Each structure stands twice: as C-alpha cells, then as structure tokens.
Amino acid sequence: MAERILVKASFIWDGVSKDLRHNGAILIEDTKIKTVGSYGEINPSDYNHVLDFSGLTLMPGLIDSHTHHSMDPTLENYLDRMSDSIPELTLRAAAMMRKDLQAGVTTCRTLGDKEYLDIACREAVNKNLILGPRSIVAGKGIRAANGHGFVGYPFDGKEEIRKAIHENLAAGADFIKIYISGTLKGDGDLPSYLTREEIATAIRTSHEAGLKVASHCVGGIGLDWALELGLDTLEHAYHISDAQIEKLAVSTTKLVLTPSPILNDKIVYHYPKHLIQGHFNERDEICGRMRALIGANIPFALGTDGMHGELAKEAEYVVELGASNFSALQALTVYGASVCGMENETGTLEAGKYADIIAVEGNPLEKIQALKKVKAVVKQGRLVHYPNSQSNIKELKYSF
C-alpha cells in the first residue's frame, strides 16, 4: 500500500487562482498529489500521516528558470572564479543547490556549467546523494571564440557547433545553450558574436535531436535573427527594442527575465572591476526595457543567474518594475514549468503532478515579500526542509 500524507495549512494558493483557498489540504500519494481541497473534505482514513502547517500558506514549489549550479556571486570577482578546478566547482554546486532548496526552489533550469558538472549534479540529486532541486541542464554552453560567455566553451563555425550539440546530447544534456550577444551595450550597437548561419545551425541541429535552444541574448541584430529562426527561450533581453518586443509577442519564443545581475549590488560589485561601472551606467535603460516587456503583457519566467537562495528577490524586482504579484508568482511557478517543459509535472498544485509544495508565512498575492519566509519545503512528496520540526514530522520516514 502506498504511503499517503495529508498536508494541511490555513491557506492554499494553487498556482492558478487569484485568491487563496482557506483551510487547505493536499493529499500526497508517494511522490504525486492525489487530491487538493479543504481539510474537511478529505476522509481521515485516506491518509497515514499529517503535516500540519497551521497559520501558513501552501503554494507550488518555486522554479528558478535561469541559474548555474557552481556560480556564487557572493565571491569577489566571481565570474573569473568559474575557472576554478572542477572538484572545487562541484563542491560549490552541491552547497548552492542545498541553499536553493531551503529557499523553496524545487526545480531549477541550469544554463551551463563546466565539464558537464551540472549533469553530474542532476543525477546526484535524482539518486538522493545530495539535497537539491530537480534540475534540467544544458551541459556545455556554446559561444564564439571572440564572444561573451564566462561559463561557455568556444566553438566556431557550423561544423563545430553541430559537433558540440551532439556531444552535449551524448553527455545527457536536456537542452542547448548558446551565447549570441554580450550583456552591455556600451557606446555602440550590440554585435552578434554568432553569424545568422551559426544560429540557424544551432537551432536546426538541436531541434532535429529533440532538444530546445536557449540563448543569452540582450538585443541587437542577433535577437532579430534568433526570433526569425525559432529560438525556444530568450534569456535576459536587457536591451530589447520596441520593435523586437512586438516580434517576441507574436513568436513562439519564451522569455526568461533575470533582474539581479543588473539590479542587485551584491552581484554588480563582485563583477571583474572593468565591468562594474558599465552595469551601473546602463541600469536605468535596462530597467526601462524590462518595464516595457512587462507592460506588453508578454508571459515571462524568472531566474537568478546564480544568485542562489534569492529567487524571491527576482519577484520583488519585477513587481517594482510593474508586474502584478500574481504575474510574478506565476513566473516562478506556472510559467517556469512551461519554460522547463515540465508543465504536466510541476508548477501548480493539481492532482497528478509532483508533490512540490512550500509553506510560506503570509499571503504572497498581497505581499510578495512572503516568498522570503519559506517555513517548509516538500519535494516530490518528501519533506526536505523544516527547521522548526515537530514530533509528528520527525516520525515520518519521508523526513530529511
């Protein structure tokens, strides 16, 4: 007989409704949600154990749609630290994944790491060797030799790009990451470091292999090419033009916003020294572009770009830039799941989906800061974080 656990709380936000459900209850069977309803609607004989989070709000586990497992922006000159030894990067990644999980992130999308360590981390979590979010990973990022990409590897020409994609596929990558532009505009236009033919090759080869393509691209001619050629997800879009916003709105390309690398001083002051002032110089313009994207009602997911444990801050930033609390929450749940290709598995609290559930203090539909007050995390039916553990929690074999 499958173990059934009842999770109850004062409120539930299911990821879809614009209001909270009172006296919420979720019945878990093994790793999946069996029933979502009110406490009085579920027969006590249907469950073996109870997780009682009275006074809290249950909601779907958060999804960080753009991160790097081994990146730690709290380190001085952290981008250059991506060249540390693979053992050091891997140990750092394990610590960062645990930090994310404790902050309520149950799924993450990793946009490249060194030497396939992201694939090793994904498998280690799946085998319960380390604690961390479920992750989908890109393997080795593909950049031009003269182009941007501290985490990527240089591949030049169509044949090298084709080979890199097949090597990523053989290693177990879930999707492909390419770097089209840099991050800052400076005094001139944004060049594309990949040619139109190279972008076309990357997208066509990936799609033929059943993989989607994500691109670091903030604007310029490369963004026009990418939208025309069927890029699957656009990352950052810091300098997207009004005309490109119109193209994006009618395209199949999905959008992932990452405010922190521009707005979070803890990141900016830890860039290599020659990059710091440029980020401050372009901050106002980039904020204007993100406001324009939000104002155009284009759905978006959110990512920290490696600022582990602080996904809630991304939601605060987009609310400050004009998004509603509801849109920000869906960016971290429903739309994040869509970007990950996991909309049938997670992102909402619905029967048949993974039991990825967090308990927060407060109502995030009214105050987005409630996301910073994660009091418990359940991932795939297992309680993985509950610092104020009670006796009835400790008895569960699902406990951490």
Foldseek 3Di string as FASTA:
>chain_A
DWAKEKEWEQWEDFLPDLDIDGQWIWIDTQFFTADIDHPVVDDPVVHDAYHYHYQWYKWFFFEFEEAALQFALLDFQRLLVLPPDPVNSLVSSLVLQQLQVQLRHQEYEYQAGPPQSVVVVLVCCVVVVGDGHNYAYAYAAEEDPPADDSRHDHADDLVSLLVVLVVSVVSPHQAYEYEFWYDFCPPHFIHGRHDLVNLLSNQVSRVVVVHAYEYADQDDPSLVSCQVNQHAEYEAVQPHDPVSLVSVQPGNHAYEHALCCQPPVSNLSRHPPVCNVRSVVCNVVSLVVLLSNVVVVGQYAYHHHHNGNPRLVRLVSVVVSPHQLSSSLQSGAQVSCVSVVNNQATRGRDGPHGPWMWIWNDDSNVPSCSSSGTQWTAHSNATEDHPVDDPSQVPDPSYD
